[in-house]
Amino acid sequence: MGIVGMSMAIQPAHGLVAYVLENWSVDWWGLIIFGLPIALYWRGHLIVMRTLDDPELRRGYERRALLMLGGMAALAIGLFSPIAAWSMVYQWVHMIWHLDLMILAPPLIVRADPWGEIVAGVPEGPREAVRRLWGRLGAHAPIARVWGVVSSPWSAVVAFDAAMWIWHLPGPFDWAMASGGRMELMMFSFFTSGIWMWYVAVDPNPRRQHESPIVRFAHMVIVSMSCMILAIVLGLSTQPWYSAYEQWMGTLRTLSLEADQQIAAGILWVFGAVPWFIAGVVTLRDFLTAEQDGVIDALGTFRAFTLRKVRTTGRRPAVRSSDSSAR
């Protein structure tokens, strides 16, 4: 068994240095899927930088490029490092692999805000063709409604929690472990749902945030509690969940299945739940700081959130006096 494009011929490792240096491989599917948008980003970044004369703007783009490099490094760890191979032996390594793709790489990439550079990196012909196609699709009301639902922050919450829970259930987990293509599917869903959810949490462009900070805080509390509950259930279980670790490469494992599972649960609790809680606290801090500085009205925002006005969409507009007199 092996992951598509990866060499899964694991060499036994003894000591930390051996774990770090041995069993590197190339995930060709990951290299193609993630390599193309990354290449477009750097092409677009160079194009944008050549048009900037303001030193402050240039420094801002350079700082974002550093965040993008950090996200790329975290993604490379998930795709090419020995984590992929040794996650087939130890469940706690598998959990680190999951969190690298859901918790570490996505916020760095989202904070880099690479979307403009990616668009700029696409050649003009294909870019205009995609824009025309997108415009035609958006003109259809059913498609626009579906996109409105799919792109909503609540959909991101559902997608993240679904990916976390479904793939960690014994049946789906063992099903994925039995095939390289299924493992690729699982990891891709982890990364995309992580990007989606972190976009809701730490989008660097406030103009794209259409929800109250209170609701954004609720989003992060929900995913934090979901990770925590999963960690508790996994850690307090009296027997191992996954039969795959009993059937494959058991001779290389030095931990019992129960201990391995408990360590994985602890890693999920600390590095899966805590970052979302911290992000939520930062959101509330920024919200209250803006209120203290007079930028926003926190009480008014809370009142608007709890006591929503009746929507007037679809109502017949009132007739102005000039129109009525003209008649």
Protein backbone atom coordinates (compact mmCIF):
# COMPACT_ATOMS: atom_id res chain seq x y z
CA MET A 1 0.00 0.00 0.00
CA GLY A 2 1.24 3.49 -0.71
CA ILE A 3 0.02 7.01 -1.14
CA VAL A 4 -0.21 8.08 -4.76
CA GLY A 5 3.11 9.55 -5.81
CA MET A 6 4.74 8.78 -2.47
CA SER A 7 7.30 6.17 -1.60
CA MET A 8 5.90 4.41 1.44
CA ALA A 9 8.80 1.99 1.90
CA ILE A 10 9.41 3.08 5.47
CA GLN A 11 12.87 2.77 6.91
CA PRO A 12 12.90 2.17 10.69
CA ALA A 13 14.07 5.29 12.53
CA HIS A 14 15.94 5.44 15.81
CA GLY A 15 16.17 8.84 17.43
CA LEU A 16 14.95 12.33 16.54
CA VAL A 17 17.55 12.97 13.83
CA ALA A 18 16.57 9.78 12.02
CA TYR A 19 12.90 10.72 12.15
CA VAL A 20 13.72 14.09 10.58
CA LEU A 21 16.10 12.87 7.87
CA GLU A 22 14.61 9.58 6.72
CA ASN A 23 11.60 8.77 4.54
CA TRP A 24 11.24 12.01 2.58
CA SER A 25 9.21 11.54 -0.59
CA VAL A 26 7.44 13.45 -3.36
CA ASP A 27 3.65 13.61 -3.54
CA TRP A 28 3.23 14.24 -7.24
CA TRP A 29 -0.51 14.87 -7.07
CA GLY A 30 -0.01 17.40 -4.31
CA LEU A 31 2.83 19.00 -6.24
CA ILE A 32 0.56 19.48 -9.26
CA ILE A 33 -2.59 20.57 -7.40
CA PHE A 34 -0.90 23.04 -5.05
CA GLY A 35 2.12 23.87 -7.19
CA LEU A 36 0.12 25.57 -9.96
CA PRO A 37 -1.61 28.23 -7.80
CA ILE A 38 1.63 28.80 -5.89
CA ALA A 39 3.51 29.35 -9.17
CA LEU A 40 0.77 31.75 -10.30
CA TYR A 41 1.03 33.59 -6.98
CA TRP A 42 4.76 34.23 -7.32
CA ARG A 43 4.36 35.27 -10.95
CA GLY A 44 1.60 37.69 -9.94
CA HIS A 45 3.61 38.90 -6.96
CA LEU A 46 6.51 39.91 -9.20
CA ILE A 47 4.12 41.63 -11.60
CA VAL A 48 2.46 43.61 -8.79
CA MET A 49 5.76 44.55 -7.16
CA ARG A 50 7.01 46.06 -10.41
CA THR A 51 4.03 48.44 -10.41
CA LEU A 52 4.44 49.69 -6.81
CA ASP A 53 6.33 52.87 -6.06
CA ASP A 54 5.06 53.50 -2.51
CA PRO A 55 7.64 52.06 -0.04
CA GLU A 56 4.97 51.34 2.55
CA LEU A 57 2.88 49.36 0.09
CA ARG A 58 5.95 47.44 -1.03
CA ARG A 59 6.76 46.54 2.58
CA GLY A 60 3.21 45.33 3.07
CA TYR A 61 3.44 43.03 0.05
CA GLU A 62 6.84 41.80 1.23
CA ARG A 63 5.46 40.93 4.66
CA ARG A 64 2.61 39.04 3.02
CA ALA A 65 5.12 37.20 0.85
CA LEU A 66 6.92 36.04 4.00
CA LEU A 67 3.64 34.67 5.35
CA MET A 68 3.12 32.89 2.06
CA LEU A 69 6.58 31.34 2.35
CA GLY A 70 5.66 30.11 5.83
CA GLY A 71 2.43 28.59 4.54
CA MET A 72 4.32 26.93 1.70
CA ALA A 73 6.84 25.48 4.17
CA ALA A 74 4.04 24.05 6.33
CA LEU A 75 2.36 22.63 3.24
CA ALA A 76 5.63 21.09 2.07
CA ILE A 77 6.00 19.40 5.46
CA GLY A 78 2.60 17.79 4.99
CA LEU A 79 3.27 16.70 1.42
CA PHE A 80 6.91 15.65 1.35
CA SER A 81 8.27 15.12 4.86
CA PRO A 82 8.50 11.80 6.77
CA ILE A 83 5.24 12.73 8.54
CA ALA A 84 3.29 11.15 5.67
CA ALA A 85 5.15 7.84 5.95
CA TRP A 86 5.31 7.59 9.73
CA SER A 87 1.65 8.55 10.09
CA MET A 88 0.93 5.03 8.87
CA VAL A 89 2.71 3.67 11.93
CA TYR A 90 1.79 6.08 14.72
CA GLN A 91 -1.59 7.66 15.22
CA TRP A 92 -0.08 10.65 17.02
CA VAL A 93 2.06 11.40 13.95
CA HIS A 94 -1.07 11.08 11.82
CA MET A 95 -2.75 13.68 14.04
CA ILE A 96 0.16 16.07 13.57
CA TRP A 97 -0.21 15.55 9.82
CA HIS A 98 -3.89 16.46 10.00
CA LEU A 99 -3.30 19.56 12.10
CA ASP A 100 -0.46 20.73 9.89
CA LEU A 101 -2.88 20.83 6.95
CA MET A 102 -5.84 22.24 8.93
CA ILE A 103 -4.36 24.50 11.60
CA LEU A 104 -0.79 25.50 10.63
CA ALA A 105 -0.60 26.05 6.86
CA PRO A 106 -4.07 27.60 6.20
CA PRO A 107 -3.89 30.68 8.49
CA LEU A 108 -0.46 31.61 7.12
CA ILE A 109 -1.74 31.41 3.56
CA VAL A 110 -4.97 33.26 4.38
CA ARG A 111 -3.10 36.07 6.15
CA ALA A 112 -0.84 36.35 3.10
CA ASP A 113 -4.02 37.27 1.16
CA PRO A 114 -2.65 35.73 -2.07
CA TRP A 115 -5.82 35.88 -4.15
CA GLY A 116 -5.03 39.14 -5.95
CA GLU A 117 -1.54 37.99 -6.87
CA ILE A 118 -2.86 34.62 -8.08
CA VAL A 119 -5.32 36.40 -10.40
CA ALA A 120 -2.56 38.73 -11.60
CA GLY A 121 -0.35 35.73 -12.30
CA VAL A 122 -2.85 34.16 -14.71
CA PRO A 123 -2.14 35.09 -18.36
CA GLU A 124 -4.52 37.71 -19.71
CA GLY A 125 -6.38 35.45 -22.15
CA PRO A 126 -7.40 32.73 -19.68
CA ARG A 127 -8.07 35.35 -17.00
CA GLU A 128 -10.58 37.20 -19.17
CA ALA A 129 -12.23 33.94 -20.24
CA VAL A 130 -12.69 32.90 -16.60
CA ARG A 131 -14.10 36.34 -15.72
CA ARG A 132 -16.65 36.16 -18.54
CA LEU A 133 -17.66 32.65 -17.52
CA TRP A 134 -17.96 33.71 -13.87
CA GLY A 135 -20.09 36.68 -14.88
CA ARG A 136 -22.44 34.50 -16.93
CA LEU A 137 -22.79 31.99 -14.10
CA GLY A 138 -23.43 34.73 -11.55
CA ALA A 139 -26.23 36.13 -13.72
CA HIS A 140 -28.32 32.99 -13.08
CA ALA A 141 -30.35 33.42 -9.90
CA PRO A 142 -30.31 29.72 -8.85
CA ILE A 143 -26.52 29.56 -9.19
CA ALA A 144 -26.16 32.84 -7.30
CA ARG A 145 -28.34 31.52 -4.47
CA VAL A 146 -26.38 28.28 -4.25
CA TRP A 147 -23.11 30.22 -4.21
CA GLY A 148 -24.45 32.47 -1.48
CA VAL A 149 -25.14 29.45 0.71
CA VAL A 150 -21.93 27.61 -0.11
CA SER A 151 -19.72 30.67 0.45
CA SER A 152 -21.32 31.65 3.77
CA PRO A 153 -19.27 31.47 6.99
CA TRP A 154 -21.70 28.96 8.48
CA SER A 155 -20.96 26.62 5.57
CA ALA A 156 -17.27 26.91 6.43
CA VAL A 157 -18.04 25.89 10.02
CA VAL A 158 -20.05 22.89 8.83
CA ALA A 159 -17.35 21.86 6.33
CA PHE A 160 -14.55 22.08 8.90
CA ASP A 161 -16.39 20.17 11.61
CA ALA A 162 -17.61 17.58 9.10
CA ALA A 163 -14.08 16.97 7.81
CA MET A 164 -12.74 16.70 11.36
CA TRP A 165 -15.40 14.32 12.66
CA ILE A 166 -16.16 12.16 9.62
CA TRP A 167 -12.55 11.34 8.81
CA HIS A 168 -11.76 10.55 12.46
CA LEU A 169 -14.59 8.06 12.82
CA PRO A 170 -13.28 4.47 12.76
CA GLY A 171 -15.03 3.43 9.54
CA PRO A 172 -14.00 6.33 7.29
CA PHE A 173 -10.50 6.45 8.79
CA ASP A 174 -9.81 2.76 8.12
CA TRP A 175 -11.40 3.12 4.67
CA ALA A 176 -8.99 5.97 3.84
CA MET A 177 -5.96 4.13 5.23
CA ALA A 178 -6.60 1.23 2.84
CA SER A 179 -5.96 3.29 -0.32
CA GLY A 180 -3.51 5.94 -1.42
CA GLY A 181 -6.13 7.82 -3.41
CA ARG A 182 -8.47 7.91 -0.41
CA MET A 183 -5.69 9.30 1.76
CA GLU A 184 -5.15 12.03 -0.82
CA LEU A 185 -8.87 12.82 -0.70
CA MET A 186 -8.84 13.02 3.09
CA MET A 187 -5.83 15.34 3.20
CA PHE A 188 -7.21 17.55 0.43
CA SER A 189 -10.50 17.93 2.34
CA PHE A 190 -8.57 18.81 5.50
CA PHE A 191 -6.61 21.53 3.75
CA THR A 192 -9.52 23.06 1.83
CA SER A 193 -11.83 23.10 4.85
CA GLY A 194 -9.00 24.62 6.90
CA ILE A 195 -8.46 27.38 4.32
CA TRP A 196 -12.22 28.01 4.25
CA MET A 197 -12.57 28.26 8.02
CA TRP A 198 -9.44 30.33 8.61
CA TYR A 199 -10.64 32.70 5.89
CA VAL A 200 -13.68 33.31 8.10
CA ALA A 201 -11.52 33.71 11.21
CA VAL A 202 -8.54 35.82 10.12
CA ASP A 203 -9.38 37.38 6.76
CA PRO A 204 -6.91 40.30 6.55
CA ASN A 205 -9.34 42.46 4.54
CA PRO A 206 -12.08 43.83 6.88
CA ARG A 207 -14.17 44.96 3.91
CA ARG A 208 -14.83 41.31 3.04
CA GLN A 209 -16.17 40.51 6.51
CA HIS A 210 -19.94 40.72 6.25
CA GLU A 211 -20.76 39.37 9.69
CA SER A 212 -20.66 40.82 13.15
CA PRO A 213 -17.49 40.12 15.17
CA ILE A 214 -19.78 38.47 17.71
CA VAL A 215 -20.90 35.94 15.10
CA ARG A 216 -17.31 35.39 13.95
CA PHE A 217 -16.39 34.69 17.57
CA ALA A 218 -19.24 32.17 17.71
CA HIS A 219 -17.88 30.43 14.61
CA MET A 220 -14.49 29.96 16.23
CA VAL A 221 -15.96 28.80 19.54
CA ILE A 222 -17.97 26.15 17.69
CA VAL A 223 -14.98 24.67 15.86
CA SER A 224 -12.83 24.91 19.00
CA MET A 225 -15.40 23.02 21.08
CA SER A 226 -15.84 20.48 18.28
CA CYS A 227 -12.11 19.69 18.28
CA MET A 228 -12.10 19.53 22.07
CA ILE A 229 -15.06 17.15 22.26
CA LEU A 230 -13.52 14.88 19.64
CA ALA A 231 -10.25 14.86 21.60
CA ILE A 232 -12.07 13.99 24.83
CA VAL A 233 -14.06 11.16 23.24
CA LEU A 234 -10.96 9.80 21.52
CA GLY A 235 -8.74 10.07 24.60
CA LEU A 236 -11.20 8.57 27.08
CA SER A 237 -12.10 5.62 24.87
CA THR A 238 -11.29 2.31 26.54
CA GLN A 239 -10.17 0.61 23.33
CA PRO A 240 -8.42 1.61 20.10
CA TRP A 241 -10.65 3.03 17.40
CA TYR A 242 -8.74 2.14 14.25
CA SER A 243 -8.05 -1.38 13.07
CA ALA A 244 -5.65 -0.12 10.40
CA TYR A 245 -2.90 0.33 12.99
CA GLU A 246 -3.27 -3.31 14.01
CA GLN A 247 -2.95 -4.59 10.46
CA TRP A 248 -0.25 -2.45 8.91
CA MET A 249 3.34 -1.90 10.03
CA GLY A 250 2.67 -2.90 13.58
CA THR A 251 6.22 -4.28 13.88
CA LEU A 252 7.64 -0.75 13.65
CA ARG A 253 5.47 0.69 16.43
CA THR A 254 6.98 0.98 19.91
CA LEU A 255 3.81 2.26 21.63
CA SER A 256 0.66 0.39 22.54
CA LEU A 257 -2.41 1.25 20.52
CA GLU A 258 -4.09 2.73 23.60
CA ALA A 259 -1.15 4.99 24.47
CA ASP A 260 -0.77 6.04 20.85
CA GLN A 261 -4.43 7.03 20.69
CA GLN A 262 -4.28 8.99 23.95
CA ILE A 263 -1.25 10.95 22.77
CA ALA A 264 -3.05 11.74 19.51
CA ALA A 265 -6.07 12.96 21.50
CA GLY A 266 -3.86 15.24 23.60
CA ILE A 267 -2.27 16.71 20.48
CA LEU A 268 -5.72 17.38 19.00
CA TRP A 269 -6.90 19.04 22.22
CA VAL A 270 -3.92 21.38 22.55
CA PHE A 271 -3.06 22.14 18.92
CA GLY A 272 -6.52 21.68 17.41
CA ALA A 273 -8.85 23.41 19.86
CA VAL A 274 -6.65 26.07 21.48
CA PRO A 275 -5.69 27.98 18.27
CA TRP A 276 -9.36 28.57 17.47
CA PHE A 277 -10.03 29.84 20.98
CA ILE A 278 -7.06 32.22 20.71
CA ALA A 279 -8.30 33.46 17.32
CA GLY A 280 -11.71 34.10 18.84
CA VAL A 281 -10.24 36.06 21.74
CA VAL A 282 -8.18 38.16 19.31
CA THR A 283 -11.36 38.89 17.32
CA LEU A 284 -13.15 40.11 20.44
CA ARG A 285 -10.12 42.13 21.52
CA ASP A 286 -9.95 43.93 18.17
CA PHE A 287 -13.69 44.51 18.29
CA LEU A 288 -13.59 46.05 21.77
CA THR A 289 -10.47 48.06 20.95
CA ALA A 290 -12.19 49.55 17.91
CA GLU A 291 -15.19 50.41 20.08
CA GLN A 292 -12.94 52.06 22.68
CA ASP A 293 -11.27 54.13 19.96
CA GLY A 294 -14.67 55.23 18.67
CA VAL A 295 -14.31 53.43 15.35
CA ILE A 296 -17.41 51.30 15.90
CA ASP A 297 -20.40 51.26 18.25
CA ALA A 298 -20.20 47.94 20.12
CA LEU A 299 -23.58 48.37 21.81
CA GLY A 300 -25.24 49.26 18.52
CA THR A 301 -23.59 46.31 16.80
CA PHE A 302 -24.79 43.94 19.51
CA ARG A 303 -28.30 45.41 19.35
CA ALA A 304 -28.34 45.02 15.56
CA PHE A 305 -27.23 41.42 15.97
CA THR A 306 -29.83 40.49 18.60
CA LEU A 307 -32.73 42.64 17.36
CA ARG A 308 -32.62 42.39 13.57
CA LYS A 309 -34.80 44.74 11.59
CA VAL A 310 -37.60 43.32 9.52
CA ARG A 311 -36.36 42.82 6.00
CA THR A 312 -38.02 44.87 3.32
CA THR A 313 -36.82 42.79 0.40
CA GLY A 314 -39.61 42.19 -2.06
CA ARG A 315 -41.90 44.90 -0.67
CA ARG A 316 -43.44 47.46 -2.97
CA PRO A 317 -41.60 50.79 -2.64
CA ALA A 318 -43.53 53.69 -1.20
CA VAL A 319 -44.91 56.20 -3.72
CA ARG A 320 -43.35 59.62 -3.42
CA SER A 321 -45.62 62.64 -3.05
CA SER A 322 -44.37 64.15 -6.31
CA ASP A 323 -45.25 60.93 -8.15
CA SER A 324 -48.74 60.80 -6.62
CA SER A 325 -49.42 64.46 -7.43
CA ALA A 326 -48.27 63.93 -11.00
CA ARG A 327 -50.83 61.22 -11.37
